[in-house]
Amino acid sequence: KPIIRALTALGCSVQPLSGKGVPDLLVSLNGRMLLMECKAPAGPLGGV
């Protein structure tokens, strides 16, 4: 949700995806697209 809100605020179209193994988001702007997977940030000791 925070990523979707931020990208939408930049003018991007964001479509959440679902499916076995499929990335979380399809992001588009001005005819260009990318796929994005959202995961938790690195831990306090620098690891994932």
All heavy atoms as atom14 arrays in JSON, in Angstrom:
{
  "sequence": "KPIIRALTALGCSVQPLSGKGVPDLLVSLNGRMLLMECKAPAGPLGGV",
  "atom14_mask": [
    [1, 1, 1, 1, 1, 1, 1, 1, 1, 0, 0, 0, 0, 0],
    [1, 1, 1, 1, 1, 1, 1, 0, 0, 0, 0, 0, 0, 0],
    [1, 1, 1, 1, 1, 1, 1, 1, 0, 0, 0, 0, 0, 0],
    [1, 1, 1, 1, 1, 1, 1, 1, 0, 0, 0, 0, 0, 0],
    [1, 1, 1, 1, 1, 1, 1, 1, 1, 1, 1, 0, 0, 0],
    [1, 1, 1, 1, 1, 0, 0, 0, 0, 0, 0, 0, 0, 0],
    [1, 1, 1, 1, 1, 1, 1, 1, 0, 0, 0, 0, 0, 0],
    [1, 1, 1, 1, 1, 1, 1, 0, 0, 0, 0, 0, 0, 0],
    [1, 1, 1, 1, 1, 0, 0, 0, 0, 0, 0, 0, 0, 0],
    [1, 1, 1, 1, 1, 1, 1, 1, 0, 0, 0, 0, 0, 0],
    [1, 1, 1, 1, 0, 0, 0, 0, 0, 0, 0, 0, 0, 0],
    [1, 1, 1, 1, 1, 1, 0, 0, 0, 0, 0, 0, 0, 0],
    [1, 1, 1, 1, 1, 1, 0, 0, 0, 0, 0, 0, 0, 0],
    [1, 1, 1, 1, 1, 1, 1, 0, 0, 0, 0, 0, 0, 0],
    [1, 1, 1, 1, 1, 1, 1, 1, 1, 0, 0, 0, 0, 0],
    [1, 1, 1, 1, 1, 1, 1, 0, 0, 0, 0, 0, 0, 0],
    [1, 1, 1, 1, 1, 1, 1, 1, 0, 0, 0, 0, 0, 0],
    [1, 1, 1, 1, 1, 1, 0, 0, 0, 0, 0, 0, 0, 0],
    [1, 1, 1, 1, 0, 0, 0, 0, 0, 0, 0, 0, 0, 0],
    [1, 1, 1, 1, 1, 1, 1, 1, 1, 0, 0, 0, 0, 0],
    [1, 1, 1, 1, 0, 0, 0, 0, 0, 0, 0, 0, 0, 0],
    [1, 1, 1, 1, 1, 1, 1, 0, 0, 0, 0, 0, 0, 0],
    [1, 1, 1, 1, 1, 1, 1, 0, 0, 0, 0, 0, 0, 0],
    [1, 1, 1, 1, 1, 1, 1, 1, 0, 0, 0, 0, 0, 0],
    [1, 1, 1, 1, 1, 1, 1, 1, 0, 0, 0, 0, 0, 0],
    [1, 1, 1, 1, 1, 1, 1, 1, 0, 0, 0, 0, 0, 0],
    [1, 1, 1, 1, 1, 1, 1, 0, 0, 0, 0, 0, 0, 0],
    [1, 1, 1, 1, 1, 1, 0, 0, 0, 0, 0, 0, 0, 0],
    [1, 1, 1, 1, 1, 1, 1, 1, 0, 0, 0, 0, 0, 0],
    [1, 1, 1, 1, 1, 1, 1, 1, 0, 0, 0, 0, 0, 0],
    [1, 1, 1, 1, 0, 0, 0, 0, 0, 0, 0, 0, 0, 0],
    [1, 1, 1, 1, 1, 1, 1, 1, 1, 1, 1, 0, 0, 0],
    [1, 1, 1, 1, 1, 1, 1, 1, 0, 0, 0, 0, 0, 0],
    [1, 1, 1, 1, 1, 1, 1, 1, 0, 0, 0, 0, 0, 0],
    [1, 1, 1, 1, 1, 1, 1, 1, 0, 0, 0, 0, 0, 0],
    [1, 1, 1, 1, 1, 1, 1, 1, 0, 0, 0, 0, 0, 0],
    [1, 1, 1, 1, 1, 1, 1, 1, 1, 0, 0, 0, 0, 0],
    [1, 1, 1, 1, 1, 1, 0, 0, 0, 0, 0, 0, 0, 0],
    [1, 1, 1, 1, 1, 1, 1, 1, 1, 0, 0, 0, 0, 0],
    [1, 1, 1, 1, 1, 0, 0, 0, 0, 0, 0, 0, 0, 0],
    [1, 1, 1, 1, 1, 1, 1, 0, 0, 0, 0, 0, 0, 0],
    [1, 1, 1, 1, 1, 0, 0, 0, 0, 0, 0, 0, 0, 0],
    [1, 1, 1, 1, 0, 0, 0, 0, 0, 0, 0, 0, 0, 0],
    [1, 1, 1, 1, 1, 1, 1, 0, 0, 0, 0, 0, 0, 0],
    [1, 1, 1, 1, 1, 1, 1, 1, 0, 0, 0, 0, 0, 0],
    [1, 1, 1, 1, 0, 0, 0, 0, 0, 0, 0, 0, 0, 0],
    [1, 1, 1, 1, 0, 0, 0, 0, 0, 0, 0, 0, 0, 0],
    [1, 1, 1, 1, 1, 1, 1, 0, 0, 0, 0, 0, 0, 0]
  ],
  "atom14_positions": [
    [[0.8, -1.23, 0.0], [0.0, 0.0, 0.0], [0.83, 1.28, 0.0], [0.55, 2.18, -0.78], [-1.0, 0.0, 1.15], [-2.11, -1.0, 0.95], [-3.09, -0.98, 2.11], [-4.15, -2.04, 1.91], [-5.13, -2.05, 3.0], [0.0, 0.0, 0.0], [0.0, 0.0, 0.0], [0.0, 0.0, 0.0], [0.0, 0.0, 0.0], [0.0, 0.0, 0.0]],
    [[1.87, 1.42, 0.86], [2.66, 2.65, 0.82], [3.37, 2.85, -0.52], [3.47, 3.98, -1.01], [3.67, 2.48, 1.95], [3.14, 1.41, 2.82], [2.29, 0.53, 1.95], [0.0, 0.0, 0.0], [0.0, 0.0, 0.0], [0.0, 0.0, 0.0], [0.0, 0.0, 0.0], [0.0, 0.0, 0.0], [0.0, 0.0, 0.0], [0.0, 0.0, 0.0]],
    [[3.82, 1.77, -1.12], [4.49, 1.87, -2.42], [3.48, 2.28, -3.49], [3.76, 3.16, -4.32], [5.2, 0.55, -2.77], [6.42, 0.37, -1.86], [5.61, 0.5, -4.24], [7.16, -0.94, -2.02], [0.0, 0.0, 0.0], [0.0, 0.0, 0.0], [0.0, 0.0, 0.0], [0.0, 0.0, 0.0], [0.0, 0.0, 0.0], [0.0, 0.0, 0.0]],
    [[2.31, 1.69, -3.47], [1.26, 2.05, -4.45], [0.9, 3.52, -4.32], [0.8, 4.25, -5.31], [0.02, 1.16, -4.28], [0.34, -0.28, -4.69], [-1.16, 1.7, -5.08], [-0.74, -1.3, -4.35], [0.0, 0.0, 0.0], [0.0, 0.0, 0.0], [0.0, 0.0, 0.0], [0.0, 0.0, 0.0], [0.0, 0.0, 0.0], [0.0, 0.0, 0.0]],
    [[0.72, 3.98, -3.08], [0.37, 5.39, -2.86], [1.46, 6.33, -3.37], [1.18, 7.34, -4.0], [0.1, 5.64, -1.38], [-1.17, 5.03, -0.89], [-1.41, 5.4, 0.58], [-2.51, 4.63, 1.12], [-2.43, 3.85, 2.19], [-1.3, 3.75, 2.87], [-3.47, 3.18, 2.61], [0.0, 0.0, 0.0], [0.0, 0.0, 0.0], [0.0, 0.0, 0.0]],
    [[2.71, 5.99, -3.1], [3.81, 6.85, -3.52], [3.92, 6.9, -5.04], [4.09, 7.97, -5.63], [5.12, 6.37, -2.91], [0.0, 0.0, 0.0], [0.0, 0.0, 0.0], [0.0, 0.0, 0.0], [0.0, 0.0, 0.0], [0.0, 0.0, 0.0], [0.0, 0.0, 0.0], [0.0, 0.0, 0.0], [0.0, 0.0, 0.0], [0.0, 0.0, 0.0]],
    [[3.83, 5.74, -5.69], [3.94, 5.71, -7.16], [2.75, 6.41, -7.81], [2.91, 7.11, -8.81], [4.04, 4.26, -7.64], [5.31, 3.52, -7.21], [5.24, 2.05, -7.63], [6.55, 4.19, -7.76], [0.0, 0.0, 0.0], [0.0, 0.0, 0.0], [0.0, 0.0, 0.0], [0.0, 0.0, 0.0], [0.0, 0.0, 0.0], [0.0, 0.0, 0.0]],
    [[1.57, 6.26, -7.24], [0.39, 6.95, -7.76], [0.56, 8.47, -7.62], [0.2, 9.22, -8.51], [-0.87, 6.47, -7.03], [-1.0, 5.06, -7.22], [-2.11, 7.14, -7.58], [0.0, 0.0, 0.0], [0.0, 0.0, 0.0], [0.0, 0.0, 0.0], [0.0, 0.0, 0.0], [0.0, 0.0, 0.0], [0.0, 0.0, 0.0], [0.0, 0.0, 0.0]],
    [[1.16, 8.91, -6.5], [1.4, 10.34, -6.29], [2.36, 10.9, -7.33], [2.33, 12.09, -7.63], [1.95, 10.58, -4.88], [0.0, 0.0, 0.0], [0.0, 0.0, 0.0], [0.0, 0.0, 0.0], [0.0, 0.0, 0.0], [0.0, 0.0, 0.0], [0.0, 0.0, 0.0], [0.0, 0.0, 0.0], [0.0, 0.0, 0.0], [0.0, 0.0, 0.0]],
    [[3.21, 10.03, -7.9], [4.14, 10.46, -8.96], [3.49, 10.45, -10.34], [4.12, 10.8, -11.32], [5.37, 9.55, -8.98], [6.28, 9.65, -7.77], [7.37, 8.6, -7.86], [6.9, 11.04, -7.69], [0.0, 0.0, 0.0], [0.0, 0.0, 0.0], [0.0, 0.0, 0.0], [0.0, 0.0, 0.0], [0.0, 0.0, 0.0], [0.0, 0.0, 0.0]],
    [[2.24, 10.02, -10.41], [1.53, 9.99, -11.69], [1.51, 8.65, -12.37], [1.03, 8.52, -13.49], [0.0, 0.0, 0.0], [0.0, 0.0, 0.0], [0.0, 0.0, 0.0], [0.0, 0.0, 0.0], [0.0, 0.0, 0.0], [0.0, 0.0, 0.0], [0.0, 0.0, 0.0], [0.0, 0.0, 0.0], [0.0, 0.0, 0.0], [0.0, 0.0, 0.0]],
    [[2.04, 7.62, -11.71], [2.07, 6.28, -12.3], [0.71, 5.6, -12.16], [-0.03, 5.85, -11.21], [3.1, 5.4, -11.59], [4.8, 5.96, -11.74], [0.0, 0.0, 0.0], [0.0, 0.0, 0.0], [0.0, 0.0, 0.0], [0.0, 0.0, 0.0], [0.0, 0.0, 0.0], [0.0, 0.0, 0.0], [0.0, 0.0, 0.0], [0.0, 0.0, 0.0]],
    [[0.41, 4.72, -13.1], [-0.7, 3.8, -12.95], [-0.13, 2.55, -12.3], [0.93, 2.07, -12.71], [-1.3, 3.43, -14.31], [-1.82, 4.57, -14.95], [0.0, 0.0, 0.0], [0.0, 0.0, 0.0], [0.0, 0.0, 0.0], [0.0, 0.0, 0.0], [0.0, 0.0, 0.0], [0.0, 0.0, 0.0], [0.0, 0.0, 0.0], [0.0, 0.0, 0.0]],
    [[-0.82, 2.02, -11.3], [-0.32, 0.86, -10.58], [-1.43, -0.18, -10.51], [-2.54, 0.11, -10.05], [0.15, 1.23, -9.16], [0.69, 0.01, -8.45], [1.18, 2.35, -9.2], [0.0, 0.0, 0.0], [0.0, 0.0, 0.0], [0.0, 0.0, 0.0], [0.0, 0.0, 0.0], [0.0, 0.0, 0.0], [0.0, 0.0, 0.0], [0.0, 0.0, 0.0]],
    [[-1.12, -1.39, -10.97], [-2.08, -2.49, -10.93], [-1.51, -3.62, -10.08], [-0.51, -4.23, -10.46], [-2.34, -3.01, -12.35], [-3.26, -4.21, -12.4], [-4.66, -3.9, -11.89], [-5.3, -2.96, -12.32], [-5.12, -4.69, -10.94], [0.0, 0.0, 0.0], [0.0, 0.0, 0.0], [0.0, 0.0, 0.0], [0.0, 0.0, 0.0], [0.0, 0.0, 0.0]],
    [[-2.14, -3.9, -8.93], [-1.71, -5.07, -8.17], [-2.01, -6.33, -8.98], [-3.04, -6.43, -9.64], [-2.57, -5.01, -6.9], [-3.0, -3.57, -6.8], [-3.14, -3.11, -8.22], [0.0, 0.0, 0.0], [0.0, 0.0, 0.0], [0.0, 0.0, 0.0], [0.0, 0.0, 0.0], [0.0, 0.0, 0.0], [0.0, 0.0, 0.0], [0.0, 0.0, 0.0]],
    [[-1.09, -7.28, -8.93], [-1.25, -8.53, -9.66], [-1.4, -9.67, -8.66], [-1.03, -9.55, -7.51], [-0.01, -8.79, -10.53], [0.33, -7.71, -11.56], [1.65, -8.03, -12.24], [-0.78, -7.6, -12.59], [0.0, 0.0, 0.0], [0.0, 0.0, 0.0], [0.0, 0.0, 0.0], [0.0, 0.0, 0.0], [0.0, 0.0, 0.0], [0.0, 0.0, 0.0]],
    [[-1.95, -10.75, -9.12], [-2.02, -11.93, -8.28], [-1.82, -13.15, -9.16], [-2.12, -13.14, -10.34], [-3.38, -12.01, -7.55], [-4.42, -12.14, -8.5], [0.0, 0.0, 0.0], [0.0, 0.0, 0.0], [0.0, 0.0, 0.0], [0.0, 0.0, 0.0], [0.0, 0.0, 0.0], [0.0, 0.0, 0.0], [0.0, 0.0, 0.0], [0.0, 0.0, 0.0]],
    [[-1.28, -14.16, -8.58], [-1.02, -15.39, -9.3], [0.16, -16.08, -8.68], [1.0, -15.45, -8.02], [0.0, 0.0, 0.0], [0.0, 0.0, 0.0], [0.0, 0.0, 0.0], [0.0, 0.0, 0.0], [0.0, 0.0, 0.0], [0.0, 0.0, 0.0], [0.0, 0.0, 0.0], [0.0, 0.0, 0.0], [0.0, 0.0, 0.0], [0.0, 0.0, 0.0]],
    [[0.27, -17.35, -8.88], [1.33, -18.14, -8.27], [2.69, -17.72, -8.82], [2.99, -17.95, -9.98], [1.07, -19.62, -8.55], [1.84, -20.54, -7.7], [1.36, -21.96, -7.88], [2.04, -22.84, -6.85], [1.52, -24.2, -6.91], [0.0, 0.0, 0.0], [0.0, 0.0, 0.0], [0.0, 0.0, 0.0], [0.0, 0.0, 0.0], [0.0, 0.0, 0.0]],
    [[3.49, -17.05, -7.99], [4.82, -16.63, -8.37], [4.9, -15.3, -9.1], [5.98, -14.8, -9.36], [0.0, 0.0, 0.0], [0.0, 0.0, 0.0], [0.0, 0.0, 0.0], [0.0, 0.0, 0.0], [0.0, 0.0, 0.0], [0.0, 0.0, 0.0], [0.0, 0.0, 0.0], [0.0, 0.0, 0.0], [0.0, 0.0, 0.0], [0.0, 0.0, 0.0]],
    [[3.76, -14.71, -9.43], [3.72, -13.45, -10.2], [4.14, -12.28, -9.31], [3.79, -12.24, -8.14], [2.29, -13.23, -10.75], [2.15, -11.91, -11.46], [1.91, -14.38, -11.68], [0.0, 0.0, 0.0], [0.0, 0.0, 0.0], [0.0, 0.0, 0.0], [0.0, 0.0, 0.0], [0.0, 0.0, 0.0], [0.0, 0.0, 0.0], [0.0, 0.0, 0.0]],
    [[4.89, -11.29, -9.86], [5.26, -10.11, -9.07], [4.03, -9.38, -8.54], [2.92, -9.53, -9.06], [6.03, -9.24, -10.07], [6.51, -10.2, -11.1], [5.46, -11.26, -11.2], [0.0, 0.0, 0.0], [0.0, 0.0, 0.0], [0.0, 0.0, 0.0], [0.0, 0.0, 0.0], [0.0, 0.0, 0.0], [0.0, 0.0, 0.0], [0.0, 0.0, 0.0]],
    [[4.24, -8.54, -7.53], [3.14, -7.86, -6.85], [2.48, -6.77, -7.68], [1.26, -6.6, -7.63], [3.63, -7.23, -5.54], [4.03, -8.28, -4.52], [3.35, -9.32, -4.42], [5.04, -8.05, -3.83], [0.0, 0.0, 0.0], [0.0, 0.0, 0.0], [0.0, 0.0, 0.0], [0.0, 0.0, 0.0], [0.0, 0.0, 0.0], [0.0, 0.0, 0.0]],
    [[3.28, -5.99, -8.42], [2.74, -4.79, -9.06], [3.17, -4.65, -10.52], [4.32, -4.93, -10.85], [3.21, -3.54, -8.32], [2.92, -3.44, -6.82], [3.58, -2.21, -6.24], [1.42, -3.44, -6.55], [0.0, 0.0, 0.0], [0.0, 0.0, 0.0], [0.0, 0.0, 0.0], [0.0, 0.0, 0.0], [0.0, 0.0, 0.0], [0.0, 0.0, 0.0]],
    [[2.25, -4.17, -11.33], [2.54, -3.7, -12.68], [2.45, -2.18, -12.61], [1.42, -1.64, -12.19], [1.53, -4.25, -13.69], [1.64, -3.73, -15.12], [2.98, -4.14, -15.74], [0.48, -4.27, -15.95], [0.0, 0.0, 0.0], [0.0, 0.0, 0.0], [0.0, 0.0, 0.0], [0.0, 0.0, 0.0], [0.0, 0.0, 0.0], [0.0, 0.0, 0.0]],
    [[3.53, -1.5, -12.95], [3.6, -0.04, -12.83], [3.81, 0.55, -14.22], [4.65, 0.07, -14.98], [4.76, 0.38, -11.9], [4.78, 1.89, -11.7], [4.67, -0.34, -10.55], [0.0, 0.0, 0.0], [0.0, 0.0, 0.0], [0.0, 0.0, 0.0], [0.0, 0.0, 0.0], [0.0, 0.0, 0.0], [0.0, 0.0, 0.0], [0.0, 0.0, 0.0]],
    [[3.05, 1.6, -14.55], [3.12, 2.17, -15.89], [3.1, 3.69, -15.84], [2.47, 4.29, -14.98], [1.92, 1.67, -16.71], [1.87, 2.3, -17.96], [0.0, 0.0, 0.0], [0.0, 0.0, 0.0], [0.0, 0.0, 0.0], [0.0, 0.0, 0.0], [0.0, 0.0, 0.0], [0.0, 0.0, 0.0], [0.0, 0.0, 0.0], [0.0, 0.0, 0.0]],
    [[3.8, 4.29, -16.8], [3.77, 5.75, -16.98], [4.19, 6.05, -18.41], [5.22, 5.56, -18.88], [4.73, 6.44, -15.99], [4.75, 7.97, -16.09], [3.44, 8.55, -15.55], [5.93, 8.54, -15.32], [0.0, 0.0, 0.0], [0.0, 0.0, 0.0], [0.0, 0.0, 0.0], [0.0, 0.0, 0.0], [0.0, 0.0, 0.0], [0.0, 0.0, 0.0]],
    [[3.39, 6.83, -19.1], [3.7, 7.28, -20.46], [4.09, 6.13, -21.4], [5.06, 6.22, -22.14], [4.83, 8.33, -20.44], [4.4, 9.58, -19.7], [3.23, 9.96, -19.72], [5.34, 10.21, -19.02], [0.0, 0.0, 0.0], [0.0, 0.0, 0.0], [0.0, 0.0, 0.0], [0.0, 0.0, 0.0], [0.0, 0.0, 0.0], [0.0, 0.0, 0.0]],
    [[3.35, 5.05, -21.35], [3.59, 3.94, -22.27], [4.72, 3.0, -21.88], [5.03, 2.07, -22.61], [0.0, 0.0, 0.0], [0.0, 0.0, 0.0], [0.0, 0.0, 0.0], [0.0, 0.0, 0.0], [0.0, 0.0, 0.0], [0.0, 0.0, 0.0], [0.0, 0.0, 0.0], [0.0, 0.0, 0.0], [0.0, 0.0, 0.0], [0.0, 0.0, 0.0]],
    [[5.35, 3.24, -20.76], [6.43, 2.36, -20.29], [5.92, 1.6, -19.06], [5.16, 2.15, -18.27], [7.67, 3.18, -19.95], [8.24, 3.88, -21.18], [9.34, 4.82, -20.84], [10.57, 4.06, -20.55], [11.71, 4.63, -20.22], [11.8, 5.94, -20.12], [12.78, 3.89, -19.98], [0.0, 0.0, 0.0], [0.0, 0.0, 0.0], [0.0, 0.0, 0.0]],
    [[6.36, 0.35, -18.92], [5.88, -0.47, -17.81], [7.04, -1.19, -17.14], [8.08, -1.43, -17.77], [4.89, -1.51, -18.31], [3.58, -0.92, -18.77], [2.37, -2.19, -19.15], [2.86, -2.58, -20.83], [0.0, 0.0, 0.0], [0.0, 0.0, 0.0], [0.0, 0.0, 0.0], [0.0, 0.0, 0.0], [0.0, 0.0, 0.0], [0.0, 0.0, 0.0]],
    [[6.82, -1.54, -15.88], [7.77, -2.38, -15.17], [7.01, -3.25, -14.18], [5.89, -2.94, -13.79], [8.85, -1.56, -14.48], [8.45, -0.58, -13.37], [8.42, -1.26, -12.01], [9.46, 0.55, -13.33], [0.0, 0.0, 0.0], [0.0, 0.0, 0.0], [0.0, 0.0, 0.0], [0.0, 0.0, 0.0], [0.0, 0.0, 0.0], [0.0, 0.0, 0.0]],
    [[7.65, -4.35, -13.8], [7.1, -5.25, -12.79], [7.87, -5.06, -11.5], [9.09, -4.89, -11.51], [7.24, -6.71, -13.26], [6.36, -7.08, -14.45], [6.8, -8.42, -15.02], [4.9, -7.12, -14.05], [0.0, 0.0, 0.0], [0.0, 0.0, 0.0], [0.0, 0.0, 0.0], [0.0, 0.0, 0.0], [0.0, 0.0, 0.0], [0.0, 0.0, 0.0]],
    [[7.15, -5.08, -10.38], [7.77, -4.81, -9.1], [7.29, -5.83, -8.07], [6.09, -6.09, -7.96], [7.41, -3.39, -8.65], [8.18, -2.87, -7.48], [7.78, -1.12, -7.13], [8.56, -0.3, -8.52], [0.0, 0.0, 0.0], [0.0, 0.0, 0.0], [0.0, 0.0, 0.0], [0.0, 0.0, 0.0], [0.0, 0.0, 0.0], [0.0, 0.0, 0.0]],
    [[8.23, -6.38, -7.33], [7.93, -7.28, -6.21], [8.25, -6.5, -4.93], [9.32, -5.91, -4.81], [8.8, -8.54, -6.3], [8.65, -9.48, -5.15], [7.28, -10.14, -5.08], [6.58, -10.27, -6.12], [6.89, -10.53, -3.96], [0.0, 0.0, 0.0], [0.0, 0.0, 0.0], [0.0, 0.0, 0.0], [0.0, 0.0, 0.0], [0.0, 0.0, 0.0]],
    [[7.33, -6.5, -3.97], [7.51, -5.78, -2.72], [7.84, -6.77, -1.61], [7.1, -7.73, -1.4], [6.23, -5.02, -2.36], [5.67, -3.89, -3.64], [0.0, 0.0, 0.0], [0.0, 0.0, 0.0], [0.0, 0.0, 0.0], [0.0, 0.0, 0.0], [0.0, 0.0, 0.0], [0.0, 0.0, 0.0], [0.0, 0.0, 0.0], [0.0, 0.0, 0.0]],
    [[8.95, -6.53, -0.93], [9.37, -7.37, 0.19], [9.73, -6.48, 1.38], [9.97, -5.29, 1.22], [10.59, -8.22, -0.18], [10.33, -9.25, -1.25], [9.48, -10.39, -0.72], [9.34, -11.48, -1.78], [8.37, -12.48, -1.41], [0.0, 0.0, 0.0], [0.0, 0.0, 0.0], [0.0, 0.0, 0.0], [0.0, 0.0, 0.0], [0.0, 0.0, 0.0]],
    [[9.81, -7.08, 2.54], [10.17, -6.35, 3.75], [11.6, -5.81, 3.64], [12.44, -6.41, 2.96], [10.05, -7.26, 4.97], [0.0, 0.0, 0.0], [0.0, 0.0, 0.0], [0.0, 0.0, 0.0], [0.0, 0.0, 0.0], [0.0, 0.0, 0.0], [0.0, 0.0, 0.0], [0.0, 0.0, 0.0], [0.0, 0.0, 0.0], [0.0, 0.0, 0.0]],
    [[11.89, -4.68, 4.28], [13.24, -4.1, 4.22], [14.27, -4.92, 4.99], [13.92, -5.84, 5.72], [13.06, -2.71, 4.84], [11.84, -2.82, 5.67], [10.97, -3.87, 5.05], [0.0, 0.0, 0.0], [0.0, 0.0, 0.0], [0.0, 0.0, 0.0], [0.0, 0.0, 0.0], [0.0, 0.0, 0.0], [0.0, 0.0, 0.0], [0.0, 0.0, 0.0]],
    [[15.52, -4.52, 4.82], [16.62, -5.19, 5.51], [16.45, -5.08, 7.01], [15.92, -4.1, 7.53], [17.95, -4.56, 5.08], [0.0, 0.0, 0.0], [0.0, 0.0, 0.0], [0.0, 0.0, 0.0], [0.0, 0.0, 0.0], [0.0, 0.0, 0.0], [0.0, 0.0, 0.0], [0.0, 0.0, 0.0], [0.0, 0.0, 0.0], [0.0, 0.0, 0.0]],
    [[16.93, -6.08, 7.71], [16.83, -6.1, 9.16], [17.81, -5.16, 9.83], [18.67, -4.57, 9.17], [0.0, 0.0, 0.0], [0.0, 0.0, 0.0], [0.0, 0.0, 0.0], [0.0, 0.0, 0.0], [0.0, 0.0, 0.0], [0.0, 0.0, 0.0], [0.0, 0.0, 0.0], [0.0, 0.0, 0.0], [0.0, 0.0, 0.0], [0.0, 0.0, 0.0]],
    [[17.74, -5.02, 11.15], [18.57, -4.06, 11.89], [20.07, -4.34, 11.8], [20.87, -3.44, 11.97], [18.07, -4.18, 13.32], [17.35, -5.47, 13.39], [16.85, -5.76, 12.01], [0.0, 0.0, 0.0], [0.0, 0.0, 0.0], [0.0, 0.0, 0.0], [0.0, 0.0, 0.0], [0.0, 0.0, 0.0], [0.0, 0.0, 0.0], [0.0, 0.0, 0.0]],
    [[20.46, -5.57, 11.5], [21.88, -5.89, 11.41], [22.37, -5.88, 9.97], [23.46, -6.33, 9.66], [22.16, -7.26, 12.06], [21.81, -7.35, 13.53], [22.05, -8.76, 14.06], [22.61, -6.34, 14.34], [0.0, 0.0, 0.0], [0.0, 0.0, 0.0], [0.0, 0.0, 0.0], [0.0, 0.0, 0.0], [0.0, 0.0, 0.0], [0.0, 0.0, 0.0]],
    [[21.53, -5.37, 9.07], [21.93, -5.25, 7.67], [21.51, -6.42, 6.8], [21.58, -6.34, 5.59], [0.0, 0.0, 0.0], [0.0, 0.0, 0.0], [0.0, 0.0, 0.0], [0.0, 0.0, 0.0], [0.0, 0.0, 0.0], [0.0, 0.0, 0.0], [0.0, 0.0, 0.0], [0.0, 0.0, 0.0], [0.0, 0.0, 0.0], [0.0, 0.0, 0.0]],
    [[21.05, -7.48, 7.4], [20.6, -8.63, 6.6], [19.17, -8.43, 6.12], [18.48, -7.52, 6.53], [0.0, 0.0, 0.0], [0.0, 0.0, 0.0], [0.0, 0.0, 0.0], [0.0, 0.0, 0.0], [0.0, 0.0, 0.0], [0.0, 0.0, 0.0], [0.0, 0.0, 0.0], [0.0, 0.0, 0.0], [0.0, 0.0, 0.0], [0.0, 0.0, 0.0]],
    [[18.76, -9.29, 5.25], [17.38, -9.2, 4.76], [16.46, -9.85, 5.78], [16.88, -10.69, 6.56], [17.23, -9.92, 3.4], [16.39, -9.11, 2.47], [18.52, -10.2, 2.74], [0.0, 0.0, 0.0], [0.0, 0.0, 0.0], [0.0, 0.0, 0.0], [0.0, 0.0, 0.0], [0.0, 0.0, 0.0], [0.0, 0.0, 0.0], [0.0, 0.0, 0.0]]
  ]
}
